[in-house]
């Protein structure tokens, strides 16, 4: 079953909103891919939610892009932020990522990236930080299909709670002390 971000949002809007908020809270996250020999590789990554999809944009020839071309499986861990509070919980998305070659889609993605970069630069200038960047060209662009979304959080300072979603299934909640 192929499930994109929009399908997840439709199936489980509350969990999807929480997960997206966690990813939007920080710029950099951790992507796990598989090397040629099958061992894991973890690297930093910026992600985008755009047009009902979760996207990965990468520099040309990056190891993570080459890993995904060879084996599309990934796990993406949201940046937990400073300290140990992890407001909103710890979230992880697993799935498969497929490179997009369609020039129209890549153009739309780049335009959205430039617009977002421009808006962020404007906010930085207002705050007294000059920051201007362009979306890299050329670049690898990957569209994701989700196989699992997990949120882990502490409830009432007593329970460790895990919410697990898989395509075609309702959210399963596990709670332990």
C-alpha atoms as a PDB file:
ATOM      1  CA  UNK A   1       0.000   0.000   0.000  1.00  0.00           C
ATOM      2  CA  UNK A   2       1.538   3.323  -1.089  1.00  0.00           C
ATOM      3  CA  UNK A   3       0.782   6.069   1.397  1.00  0.00           C
ATOM      4  CA  UNK A   4       2.018   9.635   1.063  1.00  0.00           C
ATOM      5  CA  UNK A   5       1.870  12.377   3.691  1.00  0.00           C
ATOM      6  CA  UNK A   6      -1.588  13.558   2.600  1.00  0.00           C
ATOM      7  CA  UNK A   7      -3.029  10.048   3.029  1.00  0.00           C
ATOM      8  CA  UNK A   8      -1.580   9.921   6.557  1.00  0.00           C
ATOM      9  CA  UNK A   9      -3.076  13.344   7.358  1.00  0.00           C
ATOM     10  CA  UNK A  10      -6.460  12.125   6.127  1.00  0.00           C
ATOM     11  CA  UNK A  11      -6.271   8.861   8.103  1.00  0.00           C
ATOM     12  CA  UNK A  12      -4.930  10.303  11.376  1.00  0.00           C
ATOM     13  CA  UNK A  13      -5.178  14.130  11.395  1.00  0.00           C
ATOM     14  CA  UNK A  14      -4.365  14.652  15.093  1.00  0.00           C
ATOM     15  CA  UNK A  15      -1.227  12.511  15.085  1.00  0.00           C
ATOM     16  CA  UNK A  16      -0.159  13.956  11.707  1.00  0.00           C
ATOM     17  CA  UNK A  17      -0.500  17.521  13.049  1.00  0.00           C
ATOM     18  CA  UNK A  18       1.639  16.668  16.107  1.00  0.00           C
ATOM     19  CA  UNK A  19       4.302  14.973  13.970  1.00  0.00           C
ATOM     20  CA  UNK A  20       4.465  17.832  11.480  1.00  0.00           C
ATOM     21  CA  UNK A  21       4.733  20.381  14.314  1.00  0.00           C
ATOM     22  CA  UNK A  22       7.711  18.454  15.731  1.00  0.00           C
ATOM     23  CA  UNK A  23       9.460  18.499  12.346  1.00  0.00           C
ATOM     24  CA  UNK A  24       8.685  22.175  11.771  1.00  0.00           C
ATOM     25  CA  UNK A  25      10.016  23.135  15.216  1.00  0.00           C
ATOM     26  CA  UNK A  26      13.628  22.655  14.068  1.00  0.00           C
ATOM     27  CA  UNK A  27      15.399  22.802  10.719  1.00  0.00           C
ATOM     28  CA  UNK A  28      17.731  19.812  10.943  1.00  0.00           C
ATOM     29  CA  UNK A  29      16.739  16.193  11.595  1.00  0.00           C
ATOM     30  CA  UNK A  30      18.432  12.792  11.382  1.00  0.00           C
ATOM     31  CA  UNK A  31      17.966  10.514   8.368  1.00  0.00           C
ATOM     32  CA  UNK A  32      18.973   6.846   8.479  1.00  0.00           C
ATOM     33  CA  UNK A  33      19.644   5.077   5.171  1.00  0.00           C
ATOM     34  CA  UNK A  34      21.311   1.801   4.247  1.00  0.00           C
ATOM     35  CA  UNK A  35      24.842   1.673   2.858  1.00  0.00           C
ATOM     36  CA  UNK A  36      25.797  -0.660   0.033  1.00  0.00           C
ATOM     37  CA  UNK A  37      26.976  -3.280   2.573  1.00  0.00           C
ATOM     38  CA  UNK A  38      23.647  -3.052   4.475  1.00  0.00           C
ATOM     39  CA  UNK A  39      25.003  -1.176   7.491  1.00  0.00           C
ATOM     40  CA  UNK A  40      23.155   1.966   8.626  1.00  0.00           C
ATOM     41  CA  UNK A  41      24.215   5.500   7.751  1.00  0.00           C
ATOM     42  CA  UNK A  42      22.861   8.492   9.697  1.00  0.00           C
ATOM     43  CA  UNK A  43      23.104  12.030   8.375  1.00  0.00           C
ATOM     44  CA  UNK A  44      21.538  15.405   8.943  1.00  0.00           C
ATOM     45  CA  UNK A  45      18.688  16.470   6.682  1.00  0.00           C
ATOM     46  CA  UNK A  46      16.190  19.266   6.176  1.00  0.00           C
ATOM     47  CA  UNK A  47      12.699  18.118   5.206  1.00  0.00           C
ATOM     48  CA  UNK A  48       9.720  19.854   3.577  1.00  0.00           C
ATOM     49  CA  UNK A  49       5.998  19.257   3.714  1.00  0.00           C
ATOM     50  CA  UNK A  50       4.725  20.470   0.361  1.00  0.00           C
ATOM     51  CA  UNK A  51       1.784  19.659  -1.902  1.00  0.00           C
ATOM     52  CA  UNK A  52       0.585  16.728   0.250  1.00  0.00           C
ATOM     53  CA  UNK A  53       4.011  15.084   0.310  1.00  0.00           C
ATOM     54  CA  UNK A  54       6.995  14.786   2.622  1.00  0.00           C
ATOM     55  CA  UNK A  55      10.079  15.694   0.548  1.00  0.00           C
ATOM     56  CA  UNK A  56      13.818  15.210   0.932  1.00  0.00           C
ATOM     57  CA  UNK A  57      16.070  17.551  -1.042  1.00  0.00           C
ATOM     58  CA  UNK A  58      19.775  16.695  -1.165  1.00  0.00           C
ATOM     59  CA  UNK A  59      23.028  17.957  -2.604  1.00  0.00           C
ATOM     60  CA  UNK A  60      24.166  16.272  -5.819  1.00  0.00           C
ATOM     61  CA  UNK A  61      26.110  13.077  -5.281  1.00  0.00           C
ATOM     62  CA  UNK A  62      25.520  13.009  -1.514  1.00  0.00           C
ATOM     63  CA  UNK A  63      25.974   9.595   0.126  1.00  0.00           C
ATOM     64  CA  UNK A  64      22.433   9.621   1.482  1.00  0.00           C
ATOM     65  CA  UNK A  65      21.022  10.255  -2.019  1.00  0.00           C
ATOM     66  CA  UNK A  66      23.100   7.419  -3.455  1.00  0.00           C
ATOM     67  CA  UNK A  67      21.935   5.154  -0.612  1.00  0.00           C
ATOM     68  CA  UNK A  68      18.274   5.944  -1.344  1.00  0.00           C
ATOM     69  CA  UNK A  69      18.730   5.390  -5.068  1.00  0.00           C
ATOM     70  CA  UNK A  70      20.080   1.921  -4.306  1.00  0.00           C
ATOM     71  CA  UNK A  71      17.660   1.034  -1.474  1.00  0.00           C
ATOM     72  CA  UNK A  72      14.732   3.400  -0.841  1.00  0.00           C
ATOM     73  CA  UNK A  73      14.150   2.437   2.803  1.00  0.00           C
ATOM     74  CA  UNK A  74      14.687   5.163   5.403  1.00  0.00           C
ATOM     75  CA  UNK A  75      13.966   6.201   8.972  1.00  0.00           C
ATOM     76  CA  UNK A  76      13.681   9.895   9.816  1.00  0.00           C
ATOM     77  CA  UNK A  77      14.033  11.070  13.418  1.00  0.00           C
ATOM     78  CA  UNK A  78      12.829  14.552  14.381  1.00  0.00           C
ATOM     79  CA  UNK A  79      15.314  16.819  16.112  1.00  0.00           C
ATOM     80  CA  UNK A  80      14.482  16.519  19.833  1.00  0.00           C
ATOM     81  CA  UNK A  81      15.511  20.117  20.510  1.00  0.00           C
ATOM     82  CA  UNK A  82      17.477  21.490  23.413  1.00  0.00           C
ATOM     83  CA  UNK A  83      17.545  19.722  26.749  1.00  0.00           C
ATOM     84  CA  UNK A  84      15.491  16.641  27.435  1.00  0.00           C
ATOM     85  CA  UNK A  85      11.912  17.917  27.482  1.00  0.00           C
ATOM     86  CA  UNK A  86      11.070  17.014  23.850  1.00  0.00           C
ATOM     87  CA  UNK A  87       7.931  19.161  23.788  1.00  0.00           C
ATOM     88  CA  UNK A  88       5.305  17.268  21.791  1.00  0.00           C
ATOM     89  CA  UNK A  89       7.188  14.002  22.148  1.00  0.00           C
ATOM     90  CA  UNK A  90       9.752  12.174  20.089  1.00  0.00           C
ATOM     91  CA  UNK A  91       8.662  11.351  16.530  1.00  0.00           C
ATOM     92  CA  UNK A  92       9.992   9.073  13.810  1.00  0.00           C
ATOM     93  CA  UNK A  93       8.829   8.339  10.271  1.00  0.00           C
ATOM     94  CA  UNK A  94       9.843   5.227   8.338  1.00  0.00           C
ATOM     95  CA  UNK A  95       9.200   4.499   4.710  1.00  0.00           C
ATOM     96  CA  UNK A  96      10.614   4.498   1.216  1.00  0.00           C
ATOM     97  CA  UNK A  97      11.939   7.483  -0.743  1.00  0.00           C
ATOM     98  CA  UNK A  98      11.838   7.682  -4.537  1.00  0.00           C
ATOM     99  CA  UNK A  99      13.802  10.132  -6.618  1.00  0.00           C
ATOM    100  CA  UNK A 100      11.736  12.560  -8.681  1.00  0.00           C
ATOM    101  CA  UNK A 101      13.061  13.450 -12.124  1.00  0.00           C
ATOM    102  CA  UNK A 102       9.946  15.252 -13.418  1.00  0.00           C
ATOM    103  CA  UNK A 103      11.113  18.803 -14.215  1.00  0.00           C
ATOM    104  CA  UNK A 104       7.748  20.443 -13.484  1.00  0.00           C
ATOM    105  CA  UNK A 105       7.618  18.936  -9.996  1.00  0.00           C
ATOM    106  CA  UNK A 106      11.264  19.865  -9.365  1.00  0.00           C
ATOM    107  CA  UNK A 107      10.560  23.436 -10.530  1.00  0.00           C
ATOM    108  CA  UNK A 108       7.565  23.751  -8.168  1.00  0.00           C
ATOM    109  CA  UNK A 109       9.637  22.380  -5.307  1.00  0.00           C
ATOM    110  CA  UNK A 110      12.500  24.810  -6.059  1.00  0.00           C
ATOM    111  CA  UNK A 111      10.137  27.781  -6.288  1.00  0.00           C
ATOM    112  CA  UNK A 112       8.596  26.853  -2.949  1.00  0.00           C
ATOM    113  CA  UNK A 113      12.069  26.408  -1.447  1.00  0.00           C
ATOM    114  CA  UNK A 114      13.223  29.811  -2.735  1.00  0.00           C
ATOM    115  CA  UNK A 115      10.052  31.459  -1.439  1.00  0.00           C
ATOM    116  CA  UNK A 116      10.539  29.840   1.973  1.00  0.00           C
ATOM    117  CA  UNK A 117      14.242  30.795   2.020  1.00  0.00           C
ATOM    118  CA  UNK A 118      13.336  34.373   1.085  1.00  0.00           C
ATOM    119  CA  UNK A 119      10.726  34.562   3.861  1.00  0.00           C
ATOM    120  CA  UNK A 120      13.224  33.163   6.395  1.00  0.00           C
ATOM    121  CA  UNK A 121      15.892  35.633   5.211  1.00  0.00           C
ATOM    122  CA  UNK A 122      13.415  38.501   5.652  1.00  0.00           C
ATOM    123  CA  UNK A 123      12.683  37.385   9.217  1.00  0.00           C
ATOM    124  CA  UNK A 124      16.421  37.055   9.907  1.00  0.00           C
ATOM    125  CA  UNK A 125      17.079  40.560   8.550  1.00  0.00           C
ATOM    126  CA  UNK A 126      14.330  41.926  10.797  1.00  0.00           C
ATOM    127  CA  UNK A 127      16.066  40.237  13.721  1.00  0.00           C
ATOM    128  CA  UNK A 128      19.391  41.761  12.674  1.00  0.00           C
ATOM    129  CA  UNK A 129      20.863  38.617  11.100  1.00  0.00           C
ATOM    130  CA  UNK A 130      21.673  38.856   7.393  1.00  0.00           C
ATOM    131  CA  UNK A 131      21.030  35.418   5.915  1.00  0.00           C
ATOM    132  CA  UNK A 132      20.466  34.815   2.213  1.00  0.00           C
ATOM    133  CA  UNK A 133      20.653  31.413   0.567  1.00  0.00           C
ATOM    134  CA  UNK A 134      19.530  29.882  -2.689  1.00  0.00           C
ATOM    135  CA  UNK A 135      18.167  26.395  -3.209  1.00  0.00           C
ATOM    136  CA  UNK A 136      21.008  24.293  -4.600  1.00  0.00           C
ATOM    137  CA  UNK A 137      20.986  23.480  -8.313  1.00  0.00           C
ATOM    138  CA  UNK A 138      21.288  20.732  -9.361  1.00  0.00           C
ATOM    139  CA  UNK A 139      19.905  18.636  -6.522  1.00  0.00           C
ATOM    140  CA  UNK A 140      18.361  15.263  -5.731  1.00  0.00           C
ATOM    141  CA  UNK A 141      14.659  15.347  -4.875  1.00  0.00           C
ATOM    142  CA  UNK A 142      12.921  12.426  -3.186  1.00  0.00           C
ATOM    143  CA  UNK A 143       9.201  11.894  -2.588  1.00  0.00           C
ATOM    144  CA  UNK A 144       8.366   9.649   0.365  1.00  0.00           C
ATOM    145  CA  UNK A 145       5.927   6.824   0.964  1.00  0.00           C
ATOM    146  CA  UNK A 146       5.236   6.108   4.622  1.00  0.00           C
ATOM    147  CA  UNK A 147       5.337   2.653   6.200  1.00  0.00           C
ATOM    148  CA  UNK A 148       5.232   3.702   9.858  1.00  0.00           C
ATOM    149  CA  UNK A 149       4.906   6.802  12.037  1.00  0.00           C
ATOM    150  CA  UNK A 150       5.752   6.628  15.741  1.00  0.00           C
ATOM    151  CA  UNK A 151       5.348   9.200  18.499  1.00  0.00           C
ATOM    152  CA  UNK A 152       6.756   8.531  21.961  1.00  0.00           C
ATOM    153  CA  UNK A 153       6.058  10.781  24.936  1.00  0.00           C
ATOM    154  CA  UNK A 154       5.765  10.808  28.709  1.00  0.00           C
ATOM    155  CA  UNK A 155       2.287  11.150  30.213  1.00  0.00           C
ATOM    156  CA  UNK A 156       1.659  12.360  33.775  1.00  0.00           C
ATOM    157  CA  UNK A 157       5.380  11.935  34.551  1.00  0.00           C
ATOM    158  CA  UNK A 158       4.553   8.246  35.012  1.00  0.00           C
ATOM    159  CA  UNK A 159       3.823   6.539  31.693  1.00  0.00           C
ATOM    160  CA  UNK A 160       5.864   6.085  28.553  1.00  0.00           C
ATOM    161  CA  UNK A 161       3.329   6.230  25.730  1.00  0.00           C
ATOM    162  CA  UNK A 162       3.920   5.129  22.140  1.00  0.00           C
ATOM    163  CA  UNK A 163       1.507   5.885  19.335  1.00  0.00           C
ATOM    164  CA  UNK A 164       2.200   3.692  16.301  1.00  0.00           C
ATOM    165  CA  UNK A 165       0.532   4.143  12.928  1.00  0.00           C
ATOM    166  CA  UNK A 166       0.896   1.900   9.882  1.00  0.00           C
ATOM    167  CA  UNK A 167      -0.957   2.252   6.561  1.00  0.00           C
ATOM    168  CA  UNK A 168      -4.408   0.680   6.624  1.00  0.00           C
ATOM    169  CA  UNK A 169      -4.419   0.367  10.425  1.00  0.00           C
ATOM    170  CA  UNK A 170      -5.719   2.648  13.173  1.00  0.00           C
ATOM    171  CA  UNK A 171      -3.233   4.220  15.584  1.00  0.00           C
ATOM    172  CA  UNK A 172      -2.152   1.700  18.189  1.00  0.00           C
ATOM    173  CA  UNK A 173      -1.332   3.169  21.624  1.00  0.00           C
ATOM    174  CA  UNK A 174       1.029   1.349  23.965  1.00  0.00           C
ATOM    175  CA  UNK A 175       1.475   2.586  27.527  1.00  0.00           C
ATOM    176  CA  UNK A 176       3.935   1.353  30.153  1.00  0.00           C
ATOM    177  CA  UNK A 177       5.272   2.474  33.503  1.00  0.00           C
END
